[in-house]
Amino acid sequence: MQVIFLQDVTNQAHAGDIKRVADGYARNFLIPKGLAEVVTPEILKRAHKIKVAGDQQRARETQVMEELAQLLDNTTINVAARITPTGRYYGAINDTRIAECLSETLGREIDRRLVSTIEPIREPGEYEAILRLSSDITATINIVAETEV
């Protein structure tokens, strides 16, 4: 089935793109969620407007993400957790915890899926995490893992 995408769909298409997708995917997911419509002659006439609107939306989002990346780049956050007698944390400091601390520091909500560390932090020390704000915009933050008193 040929559909025109009304919004950006990750790993599929951008708004205004006309693509052939599986019938079930279109009927059960894309169309009910308002992400795409079946291509008809009337919609083909509107395709250019949809494409322009999608491009403008993407440009606005990219600008916001670039500003956020500049704000976050080389930011240092302190994360504290309790340690065992052996010097390791009871529970690892993971991406969710880092996102929460970053949100508190900035006063802005940061989604945990944007944060990526090589592995969970299990011992006190200094670490780096990468925030993947979009497919081509990233920021690096420094994490100081401390012991909780």
N, C-alpha and C. Protein backbone atom coordinates (compact mmCIF):
# COMPACT_ATOMS: atom_id res chain seq x y z
N MET A 1 0.85 -1.17 0.00
CA MET A 1 0.00 0.00 0.00
C MET A 1 0.90 1.24 0.00
N GLN A 2 0.55 2.21 -0.80
CA GLN A 2 1.30 3.45 -0.85
C GLN A 2 0.67 4.46 0.09
N VAL A 3 1.52 5.06 0.95
CA VAL A 3 1.03 6.05 1.91
C VAL A 3 1.92 7.29 1.84
N ILE A 4 1.35 8.39 2.29
CA ILE A 4 2.13 9.62 2.45
C ILE A 4 2.24 9.85 3.95
N PHE A 5 3.45 10.07 4.41
CA PHE A 5 3.68 10.27 5.83
C PHE A 5 3.36 11.71 6.19
N LEU A 6 2.54 11.88 7.23
CA LEU A 6 2.13 13.20 7.70
C LEU A 6 3.09 13.73 8.76
N GLN A 7 3.78 12.81 9.43
CA GLN A 7 4.76 13.16 10.46
C GLN A 7 6.00 12.32 10.25
N ASP A 8 7.09 12.73 10.88
CA ASP A 8 8.31 11.92 10.83
C ASP A 8 8.08 10.63 11.61
N VAL A 9 8.50 9.53 11.05
CA VAL A 9 8.44 8.23 11.71
C VAL A 9 9.88 7.71 11.75
N THR A 10 10.38 7.49 12.95
CA THR A 10 11.76 7.07 13.13
C THR A 10 12.07 5.82 12.33
N ASN A 11 13.17 5.85 11.63
CA ASN A 11 13.66 4.73 10.81
C ASN A 11 12.73 4.34 9.67
N GLN A 12 11.77 5.18 9.33
CA GLN A 12 10.86 4.88 8.22
C GLN A 12 10.90 5.98 7.16
N ALA A 13 10.42 7.17 7.55
CA ALA A 13 10.30 8.25 6.57
C ALA A 13 10.12 9.59 7.28
N HIS A 14 10.26 10.64 6.52
CA HIS A 14 10.01 11.99 7.01
C HIS A 14 8.63 12.43 6.52
N ALA A 15 8.10 13.48 7.14
CA ALA A 15 6.80 14.01 6.74
C ALA A 15 6.84 14.43 5.28
N GLY A 16 5.82 14.02 4.54
CA GLY A 16 5.72 14.36 3.12
C GLY A 16 6.26 13.29 2.20
N ASP A 17 6.98 12.31 2.73
CA ASP A 17 7.50 11.23 1.90
C ASP A 17 6.38 10.28 1.50
N ILE A 18 6.43 9.83 0.26
CA ILE A 18 5.47 8.83 -0.22
C ILE A 18 6.23 7.52 -0.35
N LYS A 19 5.73 6.51 0.37
CA LYS A 19 6.42 5.21 0.38
C LYS A 19 5.41 4.08 0.32
N ARG A 20 5.91 2.95 -0.14
CA ARG A 20 5.12 1.72 -0.13
C ARG A 20 5.45 0.97 1.16
N VAL A 21 4.41 0.66 1.94
CA VAL A 21 4.58 -0.08 3.19
C VAL A 21 3.62 -1.26 3.19
N ALA A 22 3.83 -2.17 4.11
CA ALA A 22 2.96 -3.34 4.24
C ALA A 22 1.55 -2.88 4.59
N ASP A 23 0.57 -3.58 4.04
CA ASP A 23 -0.83 -3.21 4.28
C ASP A 23 -1.17 -3.19 5.77
N GLY A 24 -0.77 -4.23 6.48
CA GLY A 24 -1.08 -4.32 7.91
C GLY A 24 -0.44 -3.21 8.71
N TYR A 25 0.79 -2.87 8.37
CA TYR A 25 1.50 -1.79 9.06
C TYR A 25 0.76 -0.47 8.85
N ALA A 26 0.29 -0.24 7.64
CA ALA A 26 -0.44 0.99 7.34
C ALA A 26 -1.79 1.01 8.06
N ARG A 27 -2.56 -0.08 7.91
CA ARG A 27 -3.91 -0.12 8.47
C ARG A 27 -3.94 -0.16 9.99
N ASN A 28 -3.00 -0.89 10.59
CA ASN A 28 -3.05 -1.10 12.04
C ASN A 28 -2.21 -0.12 12.85
N PHE A 29 -1.25 0.53 12.22
CA PHE A 29 -0.38 1.42 12.99
C PHE A 29 -0.35 2.85 12.46
N LEU A 30 0.08 3.01 11.22
CA LEU A 30 0.30 4.36 10.69
C LEU A 30 -0.97 5.19 10.58
N ILE A 31 -2.00 4.63 9.96
CA ILE A 31 -3.23 5.39 9.73
C ILE A 31 -3.99 5.68 11.03
N PRO A 32 -4.20 4.68 11.93
CA PRO A 32 -4.91 4.99 13.17
C PRO A 32 -4.21 6.03 14.05
N LYS A 33 -2.89 6.06 14.02
CA LYS A 33 -2.16 7.03 14.85
C LYS A 33 -2.01 8.39 14.16
N GLY A 34 -2.51 8.51 12.94
CA GLY A 34 -2.43 9.78 12.23
C GLY A 34 -1.04 10.09 11.70
N LEU A 35 -0.22 9.06 11.53
CA LEU A 35 1.13 9.26 11.03
C LEU A 35 1.19 9.27 9.51
N ALA A 36 0.19 8.66 8.87
CA ALA A 36 0.20 8.56 7.41
C ALA A 36 -1.23 8.44 6.90
N GLU A 37 -1.39 8.69 5.60
CA GLU A 37 -2.67 8.52 4.91
C GLU A 37 -2.42 7.76 3.62
N VAL A 38 -3.46 7.06 3.16
CA VAL A 38 -3.36 6.35 1.89
C VAL A 38 -3.27 7.39 0.78
N VAL A 39 -2.42 7.14 -0.20
CA VAL A 39 -2.21 8.08 -1.29
C VAL A 39 -3.42 8.07 -2.22
N THR A 40 -4.00 9.25 -2.43
CA THR A 40 -5.09 9.44 -3.38
C THR A 40 -4.72 10.65 -4.24
N PRO A 41 -5.43 10.86 -5.35
CA PRO A 41 -5.10 12.03 -6.18
C PRO A 41 -5.19 13.36 -5.43
N GLU A 42 -6.18 13.48 -4.52
CA GLU A 42 -6.31 14.72 -3.75
C GLU A 42 -5.12 14.92 -2.82
N ILE A 43 -4.68 13.84 -2.23
CA ILE A 43 -3.56 13.93 -1.30
C ILE A 43 -2.27 14.24 -2.05
N LEU A 44 -2.14 13.71 -3.25
CA LEU A 44 -0.95 14.01 -4.05
C LEU A 44 -0.83 15.51 -4.32
N LYS A 45 -1.98 16.19 -4.44
CA LYS A 45 -1.96 17.64 -4.65
C LYS A 45 -1.45 18.37 -3.40
N ARG A 46 -1.74 17.79 -2.22
CA ARG A 46 -1.31 18.40 -0.95
C ARG A 46 0.08 17.97 -0.52
N ALA A 47 0.68 17.03 -1.24
CA ALA A 47 1.95 16.43 -0.82
C ALA A 47 3.04 17.47 -0.61
N HIS A 48 3.09 18.45 -1.48
CA HIS A 48 4.14 19.48 -1.36
C HIS A 48 3.97 20.27 -0.06
N LYS A 49 2.74 20.63 0.28
CA LYS A 49 2.49 21.38 1.51
C LYS A 49 2.88 20.56 2.74
N ILE A 50 2.56 19.27 2.71
CA ILE A 50 2.91 18.40 3.82
C ILE A 50 4.43 18.30 3.96
N LYS A 51 5.10 18.18 2.84
CA LYS A 51 6.57 18.08 2.84
C LYS A 51 7.20 19.35 3.41
N VAL A 52 6.70 20.51 2.99
CA VAL A 52 7.23 21.79 3.48
C VAL A 52 6.99 21.93 4.98
N ALA A 53 5.79 21.57 5.44
CA ALA A 53 5.48 21.65 6.87
C ALA A 53 6.39 20.73 7.68
N GLY A 54 6.64 19.54 7.17
CA GLY A 54 7.54 18.60 7.85
C GLY A 54 8.96 19.12 7.90
N ASP A 55 9.42 19.73 6.81
CA ASP A 55 10.78 20.29 6.78
C ASP A 55 10.92 21.44 7.79
N GLN A 56 9.89 22.27 7.89
CA GLN A 56 9.94 23.38 8.83
C GLN A 56 9.96 22.87 10.27
N GLN A 57 9.14 21.85 10.55
CA GLN A 57 9.11 21.26 11.89
C GLN A 57 10.47 20.66 12.24
N ARG A 58 11.07 19.94 11.30
CA ARG A 58 12.38 19.34 11.52
C ARG A 58 13.44 20.41 11.77
N ALA A 59 13.36 21.52 11.04
CA ALA A 59 14.33 22.61 11.22
C ALA A 59 14.20 23.23 12.61
N ARG A 60 12.96 23.42 13.08
CA ARG A 60 12.74 23.96 14.42
C ARG A 60 13.30 23.01 15.48
N GLU A 61 13.00 21.71 15.33
CA GLU A 61 13.49 20.72 16.29
C GLU A 61 15.01 20.66 16.30
N THR A 62 15.62 20.74 15.13
CA THR A 62 17.08 20.70 15.04
C THR A 62 17.69 21.90 15.75
N GLN A 63 17.09 23.06 15.57
CA GLN A 63 17.61 24.27 16.22
C GLN A 63 17.52 24.14 17.74
N VAL A 64 16.39 23.63 18.23
CA VAL A 64 16.23 23.45 19.68
C VAL A 64 17.25 22.44 20.20
N MET A 65 17.45 21.36 19.48
CA MET A 65 18.41 20.33 19.91
C MET A 65 19.84 20.86 19.88
N GLU A 66 20.18 21.69 18.90
CA GLU A 66 21.53 22.27 18.85
C GLU A 66 21.77 23.21 20.03
N GLU A 67 20.76 24.00 20.39
CA GLU A 67 20.88 24.88 21.55
C GLU A 67 21.05 24.07 22.82
N LEU A 68 20.27 22.99 22.94
CA LEU A 68 20.38 22.12 24.11
C LEU A 68 21.75 21.45 24.16
N ALA A 69 22.27 21.04 23.02
CA ALA A 69 23.59 20.41 22.97
C ALA A 69 24.68 21.39 23.42
N GLN A 70 24.58 22.65 23.00
CA GLN A 70 25.56 23.64 23.43
C GLN A 70 25.48 23.87 24.94
N LEU A 71 24.26 23.87 25.46
CA LEU A 71 24.06 24.06 26.90
C LEU A 71 24.63 22.88 27.69
N LEU A 72 24.43 21.67 27.17
CA LEU A 72 24.83 20.46 27.90
C LEU A 72 26.28 20.06 27.71
N ASP A 73 26.88 20.43 26.59
CA ASP A 73 28.23 19.95 26.28
C ASP A 73 29.20 20.30 27.41
N ASN A 74 29.89 19.30 27.90
CA ASN A 74 30.88 19.40 28.98
C ASN A 74 30.28 19.87 30.31
N THR A 75 28.99 19.66 30.50
CA THR A 75 28.35 19.92 31.78
C THR A 75 28.77 18.82 32.75
N THR A 76 28.98 19.18 34.00
CA THR A 76 29.34 18.19 35.02
C THR A 76 28.19 18.06 36.00
N ILE A 77 27.80 16.82 36.26
CA ILE A 77 26.76 16.57 37.26
C ILE A 77 27.33 15.63 38.32
N ASN A 78 26.83 15.79 39.54
CA ASN A 78 27.24 14.93 40.64
C ASN A 78 26.11 13.97 40.95
N VAL A 79 26.46 12.70 41.04
CA VAL A 79 25.48 11.67 41.36
C VAL A 79 26.00 10.92 42.57
N ALA A 80 25.18 10.83 43.61
CA ALA A 80 25.60 10.15 44.83
C ALA A 80 24.76 8.90 45.04
N ALA A 81 25.41 7.87 45.57
CA ALA A 81 24.72 6.62 45.90
C ALA A 81 25.46 5.95 47.05
N ARG A 82 24.76 5.07 47.74
CA ARG A 82 25.37 4.35 48.87
C ARG A 82 26.33 3.29 48.35
N ILE A 83 27.38 3.06 49.11
CA ILE A 83 28.35 2.05 48.70
C ILE A 83 28.41 0.92 49.72
N THR A 84 28.87 -0.23 49.26
CA THR A 84 29.06 -1.40 50.12
C THR A 84 30.40 -1.26 50.84
N PRO A 85 30.67 -2.12 51.81
CA PRO A 85 31.99 -2.09 52.47
C PRO A 85 33.15 -2.33 51.50
N THR A 86 32.89 -2.97 50.36
CA THR A 86 33.95 -3.23 49.39
C THR A 86 34.21 -2.03 48.47
N GLY A 87 33.40 -0.99 48.57
CA GLY A 87 33.62 0.21 47.77
C GLY A 87 32.82 0.29 46.49
N ARG A 88 31.93 -0.67 46.26
CA ARG A 88 31.07 -0.64 45.06
C ARG A 88 29.68 -0.15 45.47
N TYR A 89 28.93 0.34 44.51
CA TYR A 89 27.57 0.80 44.80
C TYR A 89 26.63 -0.38 45.01
N TYR A 90 25.64 -0.19 45.88
CA TYR A 90 24.63 -1.23 46.08
C TYR A 90 23.88 -1.48 44.78
N GLY A 91 23.48 -0.45 44.14
CA GLY A 91 22.84 -0.55 42.82
C GLY A 91 23.62 0.35 41.88
N ALA A 92 23.75 -0.07 40.67
CA ALA A 92 24.52 0.72 39.71
C ALA A 92 23.81 2.03 39.39
N ILE A 93 24.59 3.03 39.05
CA ILE A 93 24.03 4.29 38.56
C ILE A 93 23.82 4.11 37.06
N ASN A 94 22.56 4.08 36.65
CA ASN A 94 22.26 3.79 35.24
C ASN A 94 21.79 5.05 34.53
N ASP A 95 21.42 4.87 33.27
CA ASP A 95 21.01 6.00 32.42
C ASP A 95 19.80 6.74 33.00
N THR A 96 18.88 6.01 33.61
CA THR A 96 17.69 6.63 34.19
C THR A 96 18.07 7.59 35.31
N ARG A 97 18.94 7.14 36.18
CA ARG A 97 19.39 7.97 37.31
C ARG A 97 20.14 9.20 36.81
N ILE A 98 20.97 9.02 35.81
CA ILE A 98 21.72 10.14 35.24
C ILE A 98 20.76 11.16 34.63
N ALA A 99 19.74 10.69 33.92
CA ALA A 99 18.75 11.59 33.31
C ALA A 99 17.99 12.36 34.38
N GLU A 100 17.66 11.70 35.50
CA GLU A 100 16.96 12.38 36.59
C GLU A 100 17.83 13.48 37.19
N CYS A 101 19.09 13.17 37.45
CA CYS A 101 20.00 14.18 38.02
C CYS A 101 20.22 15.34 37.05
N LEU A 102 20.33 15.02 35.78
CA LEU A 102 20.51 16.06 34.77
C LEU A 102 19.27 16.95 34.68
N SER A 103 18.09 16.34 34.78
CA SER A 103 16.84 17.11 34.76
C SER A 103 16.77 18.06 35.95
N GLU A 104 17.18 17.57 37.13
CA GLU A 104 17.17 18.42 38.32
C GLU A 104 18.15 19.58 38.17
N THR A 105 19.32 19.30 37.62
CA THR A 105 20.35 20.32 37.47
C THR A 105 19.91 21.40 36.49
N LEU A 106 19.33 20.99 35.36
CA LEU A 106 18.96 21.95 34.31
C LEU A 106 17.60 22.58 34.52
N GLY A 107 16.72 21.89 35.25
CA GLY A 107 15.36 22.37 35.39
C GLY A 107 14.53 22.10 34.14
N ARG A 108 15.03 21.18 33.32
CA ARG A 108 14.36 20.78 32.07
C ARG A 108 14.29 19.27 32.03
N GLU A 109 13.21 18.74 31.53
CA GLU A 109 13.05 17.29 31.46
C GLU A 109 13.97 16.69 30.40
N ILE A 110 14.77 15.70 30.80
CA ILE A 110 15.66 14.98 29.88
C ILE A 110 15.20 13.53 29.86
N ASP A 111 14.89 13.02 28.69
CA ASP A 111 14.42 11.65 28.55
C ASP A 111 15.58 10.68 28.76
N ARG A 112 15.34 9.61 29.51
CA ARG A 112 16.39 8.64 29.82
C ARG A 112 16.93 7.95 28.58
N ARG A 113 16.13 7.88 27.52
CA ARG A 113 16.58 7.20 26.30
C ARG A 113 17.62 8.01 25.54
N LEU A 114 17.78 9.27 25.89
CA LEU A 114 18.79 10.10 25.24
C LEU A 114 20.18 9.86 25.81
N VAL A 115 20.23 9.37 27.06
CA VAL A 115 21.49 9.19 27.76
C VAL A 115 22.06 7.80 27.46
N SER A 116 23.35 7.75 27.14
CA SER A 116 23.98 6.44 26.97
C SER A 116 25.36 6.45 27.60
N THR A 117 25.58 5.45 28.45
CA THR A 117 26.89 5.22 29.03
C THR A 117 27.38 3.89 28.49
N ILE A 118 28.68 3.69 28.52
CA ILE A 118 29.22 2.44 28.02
C ILE A 118 28.70 1.28 28.85
N GLU A 119 28.69 1.45 30.15
CA GLU A 119 28.13 0.45 31.06
C GLU A 119 27.68 1.17 32.32
N PRO A 120 26.81 0.55 33.11
CA PRO A 120 26.36 1.21 34.34
C PRO A 120 27.54 1.51 35.27
N ILE A 121 27.43 2.60 35.99
CA ILE A 121 28.50 3.03 36.89
C ILE A 121 28.35 2.27 38.20
N ARG A 122 29.39 1.53 38.59
CA ARG A 122 29.32 0.68 39.77
C ARG A 122 30.27 1.12 40.89
N GLU A 123 31.18 2.03 40.60
CA GLU A 123 32.15 2.49 41.61
C GLU A 123 32.27 4.01 41.54
N PRO A 124 32.61 4.64 42.67
CA PRO A 124 32.82 6.10 42.65
C PRO A 124 33.95 6.48 41.70
N GLY A 125 33.83 7.65 41.10
CA GLY A 125 34.85 8.12 40.18
C GLY A 125 34.27 9.12 39.19
N GLU A 126 35.05 9.42 38.15
CA GLU A 126 34.60 10.34 37.11
C GLU A 126 34.36 9.56 35.82
N TYR A 127 33.23 9.84 35.19
CA TYR A 127 32.82 9.12 33.98
C TYR A 127 32.28 10.11 32.96
N GLU A 128 32.10 9.63 31.74
CA GLU A 128 31.48 10.44 30.68
C GLU A 128 30.24 9.71 30.18
N ALA A 129 29.25 10.49 29.78
CA ALA A 129 28.05 9.94 29.16
C ALA A 129 27.76 10.76 27.91
N ILE A 130 27.16 10.12 26.95
CA ILE A 130 26.82 10.79 25.70
C ILE A 130 25.32 10.95 25.63
N LEU A 131 24.88 12.15 25.30
CA LEU A 131 23.46 12.42 25.07
C LEU A 131 23.26 12.48 23.57
N ARG A 132 22.47 11.57 23.03
CA ARG A 132 22.18 11.56 21.61
C ARG A 132 20.83 12.27 21.43
N LEU A 133 20.91 13.56 21.13
CA LEU A 133 19.71 14.39 21.03
C LEU A 133 18.95 14.17 19.74
N SER A 134 19.65 13.86 18.67
CA SER A 134 19.03 13.49 17.41
C SER A 134 20.03 12.61 16.67
N SER A 135 19.71 12.26 15.46
CA SER A 135 20.58 11.33 14.74
C SER A 135 21.98 11.89 14.52
N ASP A 136 22.13 13.21 14.44
CA ASP A 136 23.45 13.79 14.19
C ASP A 136 23.90 14.81 15.22
N ILE A 137 23.14 14.99 16.30
CA ILE A 137 23.50 15.96 17.33
C ILE A 137 23.73 15.22 18.64
N THR A 138 24.94 15.34 19.18
CA THR A 138 25.26 14.70 20.45
C THR A 138 25.93 15.71 21.37
N ALA A 139 25.88 15.42 22.66
CA ALA A 139 26.56 16.23 23.66
C ALA A 139 27.21 15.27 24.66
N THR A 140 28.35 15.65 25.17
CA THR A 140 29.05 14.83 26.16
C THR A 140 28.96 15.51 27.51
N ILE A 141 28.55 14.75 28.52
CA ILE A 141 28.48 15.29 29.88
C ILE A 141 29.45 14.50 30.76
N ASN A 142 29.95 15.17 31.78
CA ASN A 142 30.85 14.54 32.74
C ASN A 142 30.05 14.19 33.99
N ILE A 143 30.29 13.01 34.52
CA ILE A 143 29.57 12.55 35.70
C ILE A 143 30.59 12.29 36.80
N VAL A 144 30.34 12.89 37.95
CA VAL A 144 31.17 12.62 39.12
C VAL A 144 30.32 11.76 40.04
N ALA A 145 30.70 10.49 40.13
CA ALA A 145 29.98 9.55 40.99
C ALA A 145 30.59 9.62 42.38
N GLU A 146 29.75 9.93 43.37
CA GLU A 146 30.22 10.13 44.73
C GLU A 146 29.55 9.15 45.67
N THR A 147 30.08 9.08 46.89
CA THR A 147 29.45 8.24 47.91
C THR A 147 28.42 9.07 48.65
N GLU A 148 27.32 8.44 48.97
CA GLU A 148 26.24 9.12 49.67
C GLU A 148 26.53 9.06 51.16
N VAL A 149 26.35 10.17 51.82
CA VAL A 149 26.63 10.22 53.26
C VAL A 149 25.38 9.94 54.04
